[in-house]
């Protein structure tokens, strides 16, 4: 199992020492904000797919996504 812990930058060194000292912790390493955001986005996407498979939400088709990207790319921003 993986656990994400949000720790203030000033406490990272101490927290890493504590985590690494625990015999049951297999791996402890800091990750950047970009990785945290990516992980969250992937989890959100997986949840949307799960809900779609259950018939609770409808996802965009590939064509709808392409049309949306095309429209946003060429429309002026006011």
C-alpha atoms as a PDB file:
ATOM      1  CA  UNK A   1       0.000   0.000   0.000  1.00  0.00           C
ATOM      2  CA  UNK A   2       1.141   3.519  -0.713  1.00  0.00           C
ATOM      3  CA  UNK A   3       0.457   6.504   1.532  1.00  0.00           C
ATOM      4  CA  UNK A   4       0.886  10.144   0.558  1.00  0.00           C
ATOM      5  CA  UNK A   5       1.806  12.449   3.431  1.00  0.00           C
ATOM      6  CA  UNK A   6       1.880  16.248   3.096  1.00  0.00           C
ATOM      7  CA  UNK A   7       4.714  17.596   5.271  1.00  0.00           C
ATOM      8  CA  UNK A   8       6.012  21.171   5.537  1.00  0.00           C
ATOM      9  CA  UNK A   9       9.343  21.633   3.738  1.00  0.00           C
ATOM     10  CA  UNK A  10      11.019  22.537   7.014  1.00  0.00           C
ATOM     11  CA  UNK A  11      10.191  19.082   8.465  1.00  0.00           C
ATOM     12  CA  UNK A  12      11.031  16.852   5.488  1.00  0.00           C
ATOM     13  CA  UNK A  13      14.499  15.822   6.683  1.00  0.00           C
ATOM     14  CA  UNK A  14      13.222  14.737  10.101  1.00  0.00           C
ATOM     15  CA  UNK A  15      10.153  12.998   8.665  1.00  0.00           C
ATOM     16  CA  UNK A  16      12.257  11.055   6.155  1.00  0.00           C
ATOM     17  CA  UNK A  17      14.589   9.872   8.931  1.00  0.00           C
ATOM     18  CA  UNK A  18      11.611   8.697  10.977  1.00  0.00           C
ATOM     19  CA  UNK A  19       9.966   6.904   8.052  1.00  0.00           C
ATOM     20  CA  UNK A  20      13.184   5.189   6.976  1.00  0.00           C
ATOM     21  CA  UNK A  21      13.794   4.003  10.548  1.00  0.00           C
ATOM     22  CA  UNK A  22      10.531   2.030  10.582  1.00  0.00           C
ATOM     23  CA  UNK A  23      11.130  -1.619   9.677  1.00  0.00           C
ATOM     24  CA  UNK A  24       7.814  -2.004   7.850  1.00  0.00           C
ATOM     25  CA  UNK A  25       8.415   0.962   5.497  1.00  0.00           C
ATOM     26  CA  UNK A  26       9.702  -0.474   2.212  1.00  0.00           C
ATOM     27  CA  UNK A  27      10.516   2.826   0.521  1.00  0.00           C
ATOM     28  CA  UNK A  28      10.284   6.481   1.496  1.00  0.00           C
ATOM     29  CA  UNK A  29      11.145   9.238  -0.922  1.00  0.00           C
ATOM     30  CA  UNK A  30       9.983  12.816  -1.400  1.00  0.00           C
ATOM     31  CA  UNK A  31       8.075  13.692  -4.558  1.00  0.00           C
ATOM     32  CA  UNK A  32       7.491  17.082  -6.143  1.00  0.00           C
ATOM     33  CA  UNK A  33       4.265  19.016  -6.504  1.00  0.00           C
ATOM     34  CA  UNK A  34       4.040  18.162 -10.218  1.00  0.00           C
ATOM     35  CA  UNK A  35       4.117  14.440  -9.402  1.00  0.00           C
ATOM     36  CA  UNK A  36       1.464  14.882  -6.712  1.00  0.00           C
ATOM     37  CA  UNK A  37      -0.787  16.712  -9.191  1.00  0.00           C
ATOM     38  CA  UNK A  38      -0.245  14.048 -11.848  1.00  0.00           C
ATOM     39  CA  UNK A  39      -1.059  11.293  -9.339  1.00  0.00           C
ATOM     40  CA  UNK A  40      -4.254  13.117  -8.349  1.00  0.00           C
ATOM     41  CA  UNK A  41      -5.264  13.620 -11.978  1.00  0.00           C
ATOM     42  CA  UNK A  42      -4.712   9.927 -12.741  1.00  0.00           C
ATOM     43  CA  UNK A  43      -6.767   8.882  -9.713  1.00  0.00           C
ATOM     44  CA  UNK A  44      -9.567  11.227 -10.776  1.00  0.00           C
ATOM     45  CA  UNK A  45      -9.524   9.807 -14.308  1.00  0.00           C
ATOM     46  CA  UNK A  46      -9.624   6.245 -12.981  1.00  0.00           C
ATOM     47  CA  UNK A  47     -12.614   7.144 -10.797  1.00  0.00           C
ATOM     48  CA  UNK A  48     -14.423   8.648 -13.812  1.00  0.00           C
ATOM     49  CA  UNK A  49     -13.814   5.458 -15.815  1.00  0.00           C
ATOM     50  CA  UNK A  50     -15.147   3.379 -12.900  1.00  0.00           C
ATOM     51  CA  UNK A  51     -18.304   5.517 -12.698  1.00  0.00           C
ATOM     52  CA  UNK A  52     -18.737   5.321 -16.478  1.00  0.00           C
ATOM     53  CA  UNK A  53     -18.523   1.523 -16.381  1.00  0.00           C
ATOM     54  CA  UNK A  54     -21.220   1.524 -13.690  1.00  0.00           C
ATOM     55  CA  UNK A  55     -23.404   3.687 -15.934  1.00  0.00           C
ATOM     56  CA  UNK A  56     -23.415   6.582 -13.467  1.00  0.00           C
ATOM     57  CA  UNK A  57     -21.763   9.136 -15.785  1.00  0.00           C
ATOM     58  CA  UNK A  58     -21.302   9.584 -19.519  1.00  0.00           C
ATOM     59  CA  UNK A  59     -17.798  10.315 -20.785  1.00  0.00           C
ATOM     60  CA  UNK A  60     -16.911  12.350 -23.858  1.00  0.00           C
ATOM     61  CA  UNK A  61     -16.173  10.500 -27.060  1.00  0.00           C
ATOM     62  CA  UNK A  62     -12.784  11.014 -28.686  1.00  0.00           C
ATOM     63  CA  UNK A  63     -14.462  13.114 -31.383  1.00  0.00           C
ATOM     64  CA  UNK A  64     -16.127  15.361 -28.785  1.00  0.00           C
ATOM     65  CA  UNK A  65     -12.762  15.861 -27.096  1.00  0.00           C
ATOM     66  CA  UNK A  66     -11.064  16.733 -30.393  1.00  0.00           C
ATOM     67  CA  UNK A  67     -13.832  19.199 -31.234  1.00  0.00           C
ATOM     68  CA  UNK A  68     -13.478  20.817 -27.808  1.00  0.00           C
ATOM     69  CA  UNK A  69      -9.709  21.116 -28.204  1.00  0.00           C
ATOM     70  CA  UNK A  70     -10.095  22.529 -31.708  1.00  0.00           C
ATOM     71  CA  UNK A  71     -12.673  25.087 -30.553  1.00  0.00           C
ATOM     72  CA  UNK A  72     -10.573  26.198 -27.569  1.00  0.00           C
ATOM     73  CA  UNK A  73      -7.437  26.426 -29.694  1.00  0.00           C
ATOM     74  CA  UNK A  74      -8.918  28.713 -32.335  1.00  0.00           C
ATOM     75  CA  UNK A  75     -11.351  30.806 -30.330  1.00  0.00           C
ATOM     76  CA  UNK A  76     -10.159  34.259 -29.258  1.00  0.00           C
ATOM     77  CA  UNK A  77      -9.745  34.893 -25.552  1.00  0.00           C
ATOM     78  CA  UNK A  78     -11.439  38.060 -24.309  1.00  0.00           C
END
